[in-house]
C-alpha atoms as a PDB file:
ATOM      1  CA  UNK A   1      37.257 -30.333  41.400  1.00  0.00           C
ATOM      2  CA  UNK A   2      40.958 -30.752  40.704  1.00  0.00           C
ATOM      3  CA  UNK A   3      42.783 -33.202  42.955  1.00  0.00           C
ATOM      4  CA  UNK A   4      45.632 -31.910  45.085  1.00  0.00           C
ATOM      5  CA  UNK A   5      48.910 -33.763  44.706  1.00  0.00           C
ATOM      6  CA  UNK A   6      51.159 -33.993  47.713  1.00  0.00           C
ATOM      7  CA  UNK A   7      54.939 -34.098  47.524  1.00  0.00           C
ATOM      8  CA  UNK A   8      54.686 -37.805  48.344  1.00  0.00           C
ATOM      9  CA  UNK A   9      52.301 -38.305  45.399  1.00  0.00           C
ATOM     10  CA  UNK A  10      54.769 -36.619  43.060  1.00  0.00           C
ATOM     11  CA  UNK A  11      57.679 -38.712  44.337  1.00  0.00           C
ATOM     12  CA  UNK A  12      55.609 -41.894  44.059  1.00  0.00           C
ATOM     13  CA  UNK A  13      54.691 -41.031  40.457  1.00  0.00           C
ATOM     14  CA  UNK A  14      58.341 -40.333  39.579  1.00  0.00           C
ATOM     15  CA  UNK A  15      59.301 -43.683  41.126  1.00  0.00           C
ATOM     16  CA  UNK A  16      56.534 -45.435  39.147  1.00  0.00           C
ATOM     17  CA  UNK A  17      57.821 -44.059  35.850  1.00  0.00           C
ATOM     18  CA  UNK A  18      61.384 -45.080  36.751  1.00  0.00           C
ATOM     19  CA  UNK A  19      60.214 -48.615  37.687  1.00  0.00           C
ATOM     20  CA  UNK A  20      58.498 -48.884  34.280  1.00  0.00           C
ATOM     21  CA  UNK A  21      61.785 -48.160  32.461  1.00  0.00           C
ATOM     22  CA  UNK A  22      63.850 -50.462  34.691  1.00  0.00           C
ATOM     23  CA  UNK A  23      61.306 -53.283  34.362  1.00  0.00           C
ATOM     24  CA  UNK A  24      61.116 -52.976  30.574  1.00  0.00           C
ATOM     25  CA  UNK A  25      64.875 -52.728  30.097  1.00  0.00           C
ATOM     26  CA  UNK A  26      65.683 -55.639  32.424  1.00  0.00           C
ATOM     27  CA  UNK A  27      62.874 -57.926  31.229  1.00  0.00           C
ATOM     28  CA  UNK A  28      61.047 -57.998  34.579  1.00  0.00           C
ATOM     29  CA  UNK A  29      57.588 -58.829  33.297  1.00  0.00           C
ATOM     30  CA  UNK A  30      55.802 -58.810  36.659  1.00  0.00           C
ATOM     31  CA  UNK A  31      57.258 -55.445  37.679  1.00  0.00           C
ATOM     32  CA  UNK A  32      56.289 -54.080  34.249  1.00  0.00           C
ATOM     33  CA  UNK A  33      52.693 -55.277  34.497  1.00  0.00           C
ATOM     34  CA  UNK A  34      52.485 -53.978  38.087  1.00  0.00           C
ATOM     35  CA  UNK A  35      53.181 -50.450  36.802  1.00  0.00           C
ATOM     36  CA  UNK A  36      49.774 -50.474  35.114  1.00  0.00           C
ATOM     37  CA  UNK A  37      46.229 -50.403  36.438  1.00  0.00           C
ATOM     38  CA  UNK A  38      44.392 -53.727  36.103  1.00  0.00           C
ATOM     39  CA  UNK A  39      42.804 -52.604  32.830  1.00  0.00           C
ATOM     40  CA  UNK A  40      45.755 -50.372  31.916  1.00  0.00           C
ATOM     41  CA  UNK A  41      46.519 -49.551  28.320  1.00  0.00           C
ATOM     42  CA  UNK A  42      49.740 -48.987  26.410  1.00  0.00           C
ATOM     43  CA  UNK A  43      49.382 -47.196  23.069  1.00  0.00           C
ATOM     44  CA  UNK A  44      52.342 -46.904  20.688  1.00  0.00           C
ATOM     45  CA  UNK A  45      51.172 -44.121  18.379  1.00  0.00           C
ATOM     46  CA  UNK A  46      54.169 -43.507  16.154  1.00  0.00           C
ATOM     47  CA  UNK A  47      53.609 -45.734  13.128  1.00  0.00           C
ATOM     48  CA  UNK A  48      50.930 -45.845  10.403  1.00  0.00           C
ATOM     49  CA  UNK A  49      49.001 -48.363  12.520  1.00  0.00           C
ATOM     50  CA  UNK A  50      49.109 -47.584  16.251  1.00  0.00           C
ATOM     51  CA  UNK A  51      49.624 -50.548  18.530  1.00  0.00           C
ATOM     52  CA  UNK A  52      47.370 -50.956  21.570  1.00  0.00           C
ATOM     53  CA  UNK A  53      47.910 -53.423  24.430  1.00  0.00           C
ATOM     54  CA  UNK A  54      45.182 -53.337  27.067  1.00  0.00           C
ATOM     55  CA  UNK A  55      44.948 -55.376  30.233  1.00  0.00           C
ATOM     56  CA  UNK A  56      47.507 -57.377  32.156  1.00  0.00           C
ATOM     57  CA  UNK A  57      47.811 -60.292  29.720  1.00  0.00           C
ATOM     58  CA  UNK A  58      48.358 -58.025  26.711  1.00  0.00           C
ATOM     59  CA  UNK A  59      50.934 -55.990  28.646  1.00  0.00           C
ATOM     60  CA  UNK A  60      52.701 -59.215  29.624  1.00  0.00           C
ATOM     61  CA  UNK A  61      52.828 -60.214  25.941  1.00  0.00           C
ATOM     62  CA  UNK A  62      54.333 -56.780  25.143  1.00  0.00           C
ATOM     63  CA  UNK A  63      57.267 -57.151  27.545  1.00  0.00           C
ATOM     64  CA  UNK A  64      57.698 -60.856  26.756  1.00  0.00           C
ATOM     65  CA  UNK A  65      58.228 -59.924  23.108  1.00  0.00           C
ATOM     66  CA  UNK A  66      61.049 -57.503  23.972  1.00  0.00           C
ATOM     67  CA  UNK A  67      62.587 -59.811  26.569  1.00  0.00           C
ATOM     68  CA  UNK A  68      62.851 -62.488  23.867  1.00  0.00           C
ATOM     69  CA  UNK A  69      64.795 -60.323  21.424  1.00  0.00           C
ATOM     70  CA  UNK A  70      68.608 -60.446  21.740  1.00  0.00           C
ATOM     71  CA  UNK A  71      68.957 -56.791  20.700  1.00  0.00           C
ATOM     72  CA  UNK A  72      67.004 -55.819  23.826  1.00  0.00           C
ATOM     73  CA  UNK A  73      70.116 -56.495  25.909  1.00  0.00           C
ATOM     74  CA  UNK A  74      71.687 -53.077  26.325  1.00  0.00           C
ATOM     75  CA  UNK A  75      68.523 -51.083  25.631  1.00  0.00           C
ATOM     76  CA  UNK A  76      67.871 -48.202  28.045  1.00  0.00           C
ATOM     77  CA  UNK A  77      64.859 -45.898  28.318  1.00  0.00           C
ATOM     78  CA  UNK A  78      65.849 -42.449  29.586  1.00  0.00           C
ATOM     79  CA  UNK A  79      62.851 -40.526  30.922  1.00  0.00           C
ATOM     80  CA  UNK A  80      63.229 -36.859  31.831  1.00  0.00           C
ATOM     81  CA  UNK A  81      61.553 -33.439  32.056  1.00  0.00           C
ATOM     82  CA  UNK A  82      58.550 -34.938  33.794  1.00  0.00           C
ATOM     83  CA  UNK A  83      55.492 -32.694  34.102  1.00  0.00           C
ATOM     84  CA  UNK A  84      52.777 -33.914  36.497  1.00  0.00           C
ATOM     85  CA  UNK A  85      49.383 -32.199  36.648  1.00  0.00           C
ATOM     86  CA  UNK A  86      46.323 -33.023  38.737  1.00  0.00           C
ATOM     87  CA  UNK A  87      43.012 -33.037  36.862  1.00  0.00           C
ATOM     88  CA  UNK A  88      39.389 -33.550  37.812  1.00  0.00           C
ATOM     89  CA  UNK A  89      39.680 -37.252  36.914  1.00  0.00           C
ATOM     90  CA  UNK A  90      43.168 -38.127  38.163  1.00  0.00           C
ATOM     91  CA  UNK A  91      46.640 -37.190  37.049  1.00  0.00           C
ATOM     92  CA  UNK A  92      48.177 -36.432  33.680  1.00  0.00           C
ATOM     93  CA  UNK A  93      51.906 -36.690  33.173  1.00  0.00           C
ATOM     94  CA  UNK A  94      54.181 -36.137  30.227  1.00  0.00           C
ATOM     95  CA  UNK A  95      57.894 -36.739  29.861  1.00  0.00           C
ATOM     96  CA  UNK A  96      60.624 -36.937  27.288  1.00  0.00           C
ATOM     97  CA  UNK A  97      61.825 -40.438  26.434  1.00  0.00           C
ATOM     98  CA  UNK A  98      65.063 -41.345  24.701  1.00  0.00           C
ATOM     99  CA  UNK A  99      65.914 -44.970  24.011  1.00  0.00           C
ATOM    100  CA  UNK A 100      69.580 -45.812  23.648  1.00  0.00           C
ATOM    101  CA  UNK A 101      70.843 -49.110  22.224  1.00  0.00           C
ATOM    102  CA  UNK A 102      74.202 -50.566  23.085  1.00  0.00           C
ATOM    103  CA  UNK A 103      76.030 -51.291  19.835  1.00  0.00           C
ATOM    104  CA  UNK A 104      78.952 -53.602  20.566  1.00  0.00           C
ATOM    105  CA  UNK A 105      81.862 -51.598  21.917  1.00  0.00           C
ATOM    106  CA  UNK A 106      80.232 -48.368  20.701  1.00  0.00           C
ATOM    107  CA  UNK A 107      79.552 -45.812  19.740  1.00  0.00           C
ATOM    108  CA  UNK A 108      76.044 -46.575  20.943  1.00  0.00           C
ATOM    109  CA  UNK A 109      72.899 -45.463  19.127  1.00  0.00           C
ATOM    110  CA  UNK A 110      69.992 -43.222  20.000  1.00  0.00           C
ATOM    111  CA  UNK A 111      67.072 -45.303  18.733  1.00  0.00           C
ATOM    112  CA  UNK A 112      64.000 -43.332  19.861  1.00  0.00           C
ATOM    113  CA  UNK A 113      63.377 -39.659  20.507  1.00  0.00           C
ATOM    114  CA  UNK A 114      59.847 -39.160  21.729  1.00  0.00           C
ATOM    115  CA  UNK A 115      57.619 -38.539  24.690  1.00  0.00           C
ATOM    116  CA  UNK A 116      55.072 -40.204  26.917  1.00  0.00           C
ATOM    117  CA  UNK A 117      51.581 -38.929  27.630  1.00  0.00           C
ATOM    118  CA  UNK A 118      50.233 -40.696  30.701  1.00  0.00           C
ATOM    119  CA  UNK A 119      46.983 -40.890  32.585  1.00  0.00           C
ATOM    120  CA  UNK A 120      47.600 -42.111  36.117  1.00  0.00           C
ATOM    121  CA  UNK A 121      45.275 -43.334  38.812  1.00  0.00           C
ATOM    122  CA  UNK A 122      45.465 -44.642  42.348  1.00  0.00           C
ATOM    123  CA  UNK A 123      44.624 -48.319  42.588  1.00  0.00           C
ATOM    124  CA  UNK A 124      45.003 -50.478  45.696  1.00  0.00           C
ATOM    125  CA  UNK A 125      46.760 -47.551  47.415  1.00  0.00           C
ATOM    126  CA  UNK A 126      49.419 -47.140  44.687  1.00  0.00           C
ATOM    127  CA  UNK A 127      49.825 -44.910  41.644  1.00  0.00           C
ATOM    128  CA  UNK A 128      49.455 -46.890  38.421  1.00  0.00           C
ATOM    129  CA  UNK A 129      49.485 -46.085  34.718  1.00  0.00           C
ATOM    130  CA  UNK A 130      45.909 -46.155  33.429  1.00  0.00           C
ATOM    131  CA  UNK A 131      47.017 -45.226  29.903  1.00  0.00           C
ATOM    132  CA  UNK A 132      50.442 -44.571  28.426  1.00  0.00           C
ATOM    133  CA  UNK A 133      50.725 -43.187  24.918  1.00  0.00           C
ATOM    134  CA  UNK A 134      54.159 -43.321  23.294  1.00  0.00           C
ATOM    135  CA  UNK A 135      54.597 -40.555  20.732  1.00  0.00           C
ATOM    136  CA  UNK A 136      57.314 -39.422  18.348  1.00  0.00           C
ATOM    137  CA  UNK A 137      59.027 -36.066  18.914  1.00  0.00           C
ATOM    138  CA  UNK A 138      57.284 -34.522  15.923  1.00  0.00           C
ATOM    139  CA  UNK A 139      53.864 -33.336  14.797  1.00  0.00           C
ATOM    140  CA  UNK A 140      51.456 -31.635  17.212  1.00  0.00           C
ATOM    141  CA  UNK A 141      53.960 -31.270  20.053  1.00  0.00           C
ATOM    142  CA  UNK A 142      56.070 -29.009  17.803  1.00  0.00           C
ATOM    143  CA  UNK A 143      53.190 -27.001  16.312  1.00  0.00           C
ATOM    144  CA  UNK A 144      54.460 -23.714  17.809  1.00  0.00           C
ATOM    145  CA  UNK A 145      57.947 -24.099  16.327  1.00  0.00           C
ATOM    146  CA  UNK A 146      58.807 -22.239  13.113  1.00  0.00           C
ATOM    147  CA  UNK A 147      58.577 -24.426  10.041  1.00  0.00           C
ATOM    148  CA  UNK A 148      56.352 -27.024  11.721  1.00  0.00           C
ATOM    149  CA  UNK A 149      52.715 -27.484  10.713  1.00  0.00           C
ATOM    150  CA  UNK A 150      51.777 -29.609  13.724  1.00  0.00           C
ATOM    151  CA  UNK A 151      50.469 -32.459  11.603  1.00  0.00           C
ATOM    152  CA  UNK A 152      51.105 -35.995  12.791  1.00  0.00           C
ATOM    153  CA  UNK A 153      53.239 -37.788  10.213  1.00  0.00           C
ATOM    154  CA  UNK A 154      53.239 -41.487  11.013  1.00  0.00           C
ATOM    155  CA  UNK A 155      56.278 -43.504  10.091  1.00  0.00           C
ATOM    156  CA  UNK A 156      56.152 -46.914   8.469  1.00  0.00           C
ATOM    157  CA  UNK A 157      56.429 -49.601  11.126  1.00  0.00           C
ATOM    158  CA  UNK A 158      59.743 -51.471  10.872  1.00  0.00           C
ATOM    159  CA  UNK A 159      59.322 -55.120   9.895  1.00  0.00           C
ATOM    160  CA  UNK A 160      61.205 -56.057  13.073  1.00  0.00           C
ATOM    161  CA  UNK A 161      58.098 -54.998  15.036  1.00  0.00           C
ATOM    162  CA  UNK A 162      55.619 -57.138  13.094  1.00  0.00           C
ATOM    163  CA  UNK A 163      55.876 -59.840  15.756  1.00  0.00           C
ATOM    164  CA  UNK A 164      55.126 -57.307  18.480  1.00  0.00           C
ATOM    165  CA  UNK A 165      52.011 -56.050  16.693  1.00  0.00           C
ATOM    166  CA  UNK A 166      50.830 -59.665  16.504  1.00  0.00           C
ATOM    167  CA  UNK A 167      50.795 -59.780  20.348  1.00  0.00           C
ATOM    168  CA  UNK A 168      48.081 -57.127  20.705  1.00  0.00           C
END
């Protein structure tokens, strides 16, 4: 049986996804971890080797890595075009994500163009992310577009992220 989402559920889920971006971009590690279920999982599936951080301690290491990098100051995650669907096991959501980086006095740079695929669940009376998968705006999502074969083409992971992968 598919769950029924109320308007309040939808607003709470939108607020959750906004809190995730604000927490990540302002280095608020506790608020970031609180966005996830206790055994929540973050999967970054863009590079040749996907990164997976599961559980509160791994998620804390993820945000601590970014908070410790000077180039994180001025980073903003822009999440839009949110689609929320109830399923028999909870809620699925997907949204566009753009990550902008402040570059001195500008012009600023668009650093990421991708999307989130989320599985959400209620835990302790609140919506939480059970699993977030970060994907590139390419491959299967574009399979119906002319000239696209729908194959996932992983990118090489930038050396700047080697330290992050070591936190998994």
